[in-house]
Amino acid sequence: MNILLSCLLIALLLPYITKGPVAYAMAKLGGYDNHHPRAQQAQLTGFGARAVAGHQNAFESLLVFAVASLTVMALDKVNDIVSTLALVYVVSRIVYHILYLLDKSTLRSLSWFVGFFSAIGIFLQAF
């Protein structure tokens, strides 16, 4: 269960870690506008727009992984398969964000599918 909990912690932190490239892009766009950050983010293009999209997707993906993880924990179904899938999920999500920033769309989509189906695989272990 320690591996799953560690992966869950990393997944919880990823949306906040991925804010770094967004803040960097915003700073390059005339300084970080803390009064209207979302309006400024909407003006970003290229790297900045991809950073925002990756940041938002980290929150979206977290929900699926968290529900799957908490379900297997609540039902006491954590096993080696769950631990392996949790590690695959975390690695795929880190790779996903890097590929998003590098504008590697096909590989990014592949990484998204790996992460998504890893989370689904975790949930299926509950049965």
C-alpha atoms as a PDB file:
ATOM      1  CA  MET A   1       0.000   0.000   0.000  1.00  0.00           C
ATOM      2  CA  ASN A   2       2.969   2.318   0.516  1.00  0.00           C
ATOM      3  CA  ILE A   3       3.646   2.430  -3.227  1.00  0.00           C
ATOM      4  CA  LEU A   4       0.025   3.295  -3.975  1.00  0.00           C
ATOM      5  CA  LEU A   5      -0.043   6.008  -1.308  1.00  0.00           C
ATOM      6  CA  SER A   6       3.238   7.449  -2.565  1.00  0.00           C
ATOM      7  CA  CYS A   7       1.911   7.500  -6.123  1.00  0.00           C
ATOM      8  CA  LEU A   8      -1.293   9.127  -4.931  1.00  0.00           C
ATOM      9  CA  LEU A   9       0.729  11.827  -3.182  1.00  0.00           C
ATOM     10  CA  ILE A  10       2.758  12.468  -6.337  1.00  0.00           C
ATOM     11  CA  ALA A  11      -0.439  12.592  -8.405  1.00  0.00           C
ATOM     12  CA  LEU A  12      -1.903  15.095  -5.931  1.00  0.00           C
ATOM     13  CA  LEU A  13       1.186  17.291  -6.288  1.00  0.00           C
ATOM     14  CA  LEU A  14       1.465  17.112 -10.091  1.00  0.00           C
ATOM     15  CA  PRO A  15      -1.168  19.793 -10.828  1.00  0.00           C
ATOM     16  CA  TYR A  16       0.723  22.210  -8.602  1.00  0.00           C
ATOM     17  CA  ILE A  17       4.149  21.271  -9.943  1.00  0.00           C
ATOM     18  CA  THR A  18       2.913  21.752 -13.513  1.00  0.00           C
ATOM     19  CA  LYS A  19       1.951  25.312 -12.611  1.00  0.00           C
ATOM     20  CA  GLY A  20       5.669  26.181 -12.792  1.00  0.00           C
ATOM     21  CA  PRO A  21       5.902  26.280 -16.611  1.00  0.00           C
ATOM     22  CA  VAL A  22       2.619  28.229 -16.701  1.00  0.00           C
ATOM     23  CA  ALA A  23       4.001  30.853 -14.331  1.00  0.00           C
ATOM     24  CA  TYR A  24       7.194  31.023 -16.405  1.00  0.00           C
ATOM     25  CA  ALA A  25       5.222  31.643 -19.603  1.00  0.00           C
ATOM     26  CA  MET A  26       3.064  34.240 -17.864  1.00  0.00           C
ATOM     27  CA  ALA A  27       6.164  36.043 -16.568  1.00  0.00           C
ATOM     28  CA  LYS A  28       7.501  36.223 -20.119  1.00  0.00           C
ATOM     29  CA  LEU A  29       4.186  37.786 -21.178  1.00  0.00           C
ATOM     30  CA  GLY A  30       4.832  41.059 -19.372  1.00  0.00           C
ATOM     31  CA  GLY A  31       5.004  39.709 -15.826  1.00  0.00           C
ATOM     32  CA  TYR A  32       2.712  37.463 -13.825  1.00  0.00           C
ATOM     33  CA  ASP A  33      -0.704  39.123 -13.514  1.00  0.00           C
ATOM     34  CA  ASN A  34      -1.834  37.976 -10.086  1.00  0.00           C
ATOM     35  CA  HIS A  35      -4.978  40.122 -10.311  1.00  0.00           C
ATOM     36  CA  HIS A  36      -6.272  38.355 -13.442  1.00  0.00           C
ATOM     37  CA  PRO A  37      -4.170  35.206 -13.965  1.00  0.00           C
ATOM     38  CA  ARG A  38      -6.803  33.313 -15.957  1.00  0.00           C
ATOM     39  CA  ALA A  39      -7.284  36.197 -18.365  1.00  0.00           C
ATOM     40  CA  GLN A  40      -3.530  36.335 -18.856  1.00  0.00           C
ATOM     41  CA  GLN A  41      -3.343  32.566 -19.330  1.00  0.00           C
ATOM     42  CA  ALA A  42      -5.993  32.833 -22.053  1.00  0.00           C
ATOM     43  CA  GLN A  43      -3.601  35.098 -23.975  1.00  0.00           C
ATOM     44  CA  LEU A  44      -0.769  32.586 -23.955  1.00  0.00           C
ATOM     45  CA  THR A  45       0.191  30.854 -27.193  1.00  0.00           C
ATOM     46  CA  GLY A  46       2.653  28.113 -28.114  1.00  0.00           C
ATOM     47  CA  PHE A  47       4.592  26.820 -25.133  1.00  0.00           C
ATOM     48  CA  GLY A  48       2.488  28.833 -22.680  1.00  0.00           C
ATOM     49  CA  ALA A  49      -0.826  27.561 -24.024  1.00  0.00           C
ATOM     50  CA  ARG A  50       0.466  23.989 -23.923  1.00  0.00           C
ATOM     51  CA  ALA A  51       1.674  24.512 -20.356  1.00  0.00           C
ATOM     52  CA  VAL A  52      -1.785  25.702 -19.309  1.00  0.00           C
ATOM     53  CA  ALA A  53      -3.477  22.763 -21.036  1.00  0.00           C
ATOM     54  CA  GLY A  54      -1.101  20.268 -19.395  1.00  0.00           C
ATOM     55  CA  HIS A  55      -1.643  21.910 -16.014  1.00  0.00           C
ATOM     56  CA  GLN A  56      -5.423  21.683 -16.385  1.00  0.00           C
ATOM     57  CA  ASN A  57      -5.221  18.086 -17.574  1.00  0.00           C
ATOM     58  CA  ALA A  58      -3.259  17.156 -14.453  1.00  0.00           C
ATOM     59  CA  PHE A  59      -6.299  18.134 -12.370  1.00  0.00           C
ATOM     60  CA  GLU A  60      -8.660  16.274 -14.702  1.00  0.00           C
ATOM     61  CA  SER A  61      -6.609  13.079 -14.633  1.00  0.00           C
ATOM     62  CA  LEU A  62      -6.207  13.197 -10.876  1.00  0.00           C
ATOM     63  CA  LEU A  63      -9.906  12.548 -10.341  1.00  0.00           C
ATOM     64  CA  VAL A  64      -9.851   9.216 -12.184  1.00  0.00           C
ATOM     65  CA  PHE A  65      -6.681   8.020 -10.477  1.00  0.00           C
ATOM     66  CA  ALA A  66      -7.780   9.160  -7.012  1.00  0.00           C
ATOM     67  CA  VAL A  67     -11.168   7.441  -7.270  1.00  0.00           C
ATOM     68  CA  ALA A  68      -9.534   4.224  -8.479  1.00  0.00           C
ATOM     69  CA  SER A  69      -6.880   4.328  -5.758  1.00  0.00           C
ATOM     70  CA  LEU A  70      -9.296   5.108  -2.940  1.00  0.00           C
ATOM     71  CA  THR A  71     -11.678   2.400  -4.140  1.00  0.00           C
ATOM     72  CA  VAL A  72      -9.078  -0.363  -3.978  1.00  0.00           C
ATOM     73  CA  MET A  73      -7.856   0.915  -0.616  1.00  0.00           C
ATOM     74  CA  ALA A  74     -11.373   1.027   0.830  1.00  0.00           C
ATOM     75  CA  LEU A  75     -12.081  -2.499  -0.367  1.00  0.00           C
ATOM     76  CA  ASP A  76      -8.667  -3.771   0.769  1.00  0.00           C
ATOM     77  CA  LYS A  77      -7.827  -4.908  -2.765  1.00  0.00           C
ATOM     78  CA  VAL A  78      -4.349  -3.366  -3.025  1.00  0.00           C
ATOM     79  CA  ASN A  79      -1.998  -5.889  -4.603  1.00  0.00           C
ATOM     80  CA  ASP A  80       1.178  -5.994  -6.696  1.00  0.00           C
ATOM     81  CA  ILE A  81      -0.769  -5.284  -9.887  1.00  0.00           C
ATOM     82  CA  VAL A  82      -2.240  -2.138  -8.321  1.00  0.00           C
ATOM     83  CA  SER A  83       1.209  -0.985  -7.211  1.00  0.00           C
ATOM     84  CA  THR A  84       2.668  -1.562 -10.661  1.00  0.00           C
ATOM     85  CA  LEU A  85      -0.216   0.227 -12.372  1.00  0.00           C
ATOM     86  CA  ALA A  86       0.119   3.155  -9.958  1.00  0.00           C
ATOM     87  CA  LEU A  87       3.797   3.509 -10.840  1.00  0.00           C
ATOM     88  CA  VAL A  88       2.959   3.296 -14.547  1.00  0.00           C
ATOM     89  CA  TYR A  89       0.293   5.966 -14.056  1.00  0.00           C
ATOM     90  CA  VAL A  90       2.673   8.406 -12.341  1.00  0.00           C
ATOM     91  CA  VAL A  91       5.454   7.908 -14.879  1.00  0.00           C
ATOM     92  CA  SER A  92       3.032   8.269 -17.780  1.00  0.00           C
ATOM     93  CA  ARG A  93       1.648  11.511 -16.328  1.00  0.00           C
ATOM     94  CA  ILE A  94       5.118  13.013 -15.912  1.00  0.00           C
ATOM     95  CA  VAL A  95       6.044  11.956 -19.447  1.00  0.00           C
ATOM     96  CA  TYR A  96       2.685  13.312 -20.660  1.00  0.00           C
ATOM     97  CA  HIS A  97       3.425  16.777 -19.345  1.00  0.00           C
ATOM     98  CA  ILE A  98       6.954  16.837 -20.714  1.00  0.00           C
ATOM     99  CA  LEU A  99       5.683  15.752 -24.135  1.00  0.00           C
ATOM    100  CA  TYR A 100       2.978  18.426 -23.978  1.00  0.00           C
ATOM    101  CA  LEU A 101       5.568  21.117 -23.324  1.00  0.00           C
ATOM    102  CA  LEU A 102       7.747  19.776 -26.160  1.00  0.00           C
ATOM    103  CA  ASP A 103       4.752  19.757 -28.557  1.00  0.00           C
ATOM    104  CA  LYS A 104       4.979  16.020 -29.281  1.00  0.00           C
ATOM    105  CA  SER A 105       1.249  15.495 -29.745  1.00  0.00           C
ATOM    106  CA  THR A 106       1.120  11.863 -30.876  1.00  0.00           C
ATOM    107  CA  LEU A 107       3.453  10.620 -28.156  1.00  0.00           C
ATOM    108  CA  ARG A 108       1.609  12.793 -25.646  1.00  0.00           C
ATOM    109  CA  SER A 109      -1.702  11.173 -26.584  1.00  0.00           C
ATOM    110  CA  LEU A 110      -0.151   7.724 -26.254  1.00  0.00           C
ATOM    111  CA  SER A 111       1.107   8.641 -22.794  1.00  0.00           C
ATOM    112  CA  TRP A 112      -2.375   9.890 -21.870  1.00  0.00           C
ATOM    113  CA  PHE A 113      -3.902   6.539 -22.874  1.00  0.00           C
ATOM    114  CA  VAL A 114      -1.300   4.635 -20.841  1.00  0.00           C
ATOM    115  CA  GLY A 115      -2.098   6.721 -17.762  1.00  0.00           C
ATOM    116  CA  PHE A 116      -5.847   6.525 -18.225  1.00  0.00           C
ATOM    117  CA  PHE A 117      -5.922   2.769 -18.724  1.00  0.00           C
ATOM    118  CA  SER A 118      -3.543   2.293 -15.790  1.00  0.00           C
ATOM    119  CA  ALA A 119      -6.070   4.067 -13.578  1.00  0.00           C
ATOM    120  CA  ILE A 120      -8.910   1.985 -15.033  1.00  0.00           C
ATOM    121  CA  GLY A 121      -6.837  -1.146 -14.405  1.00  0.00           C
ATOM    122  CA  ILE A 122      -6.433  -0.127 -10.772  1.00  0.00           C
ATOM    123  CA  PHE A 123     -10.184   0.309 -10.435  1.00  0.00           C
ATOM    124  CA  LEU A 124     -10.835  -3.085 -12.030  1.00  0.00           C
ATOM    125  CA  GLN A 125      -8.766  -4.724  -9.299  1.00  0.00           C
ATOM    126  CA  ALA A 126     -11.600  -3.817  -6.924  1.00  0.00           C
ATOM    127  CA  PHE A 127     -13.803  -6.543  -8.427  1.00  0.00           C
END
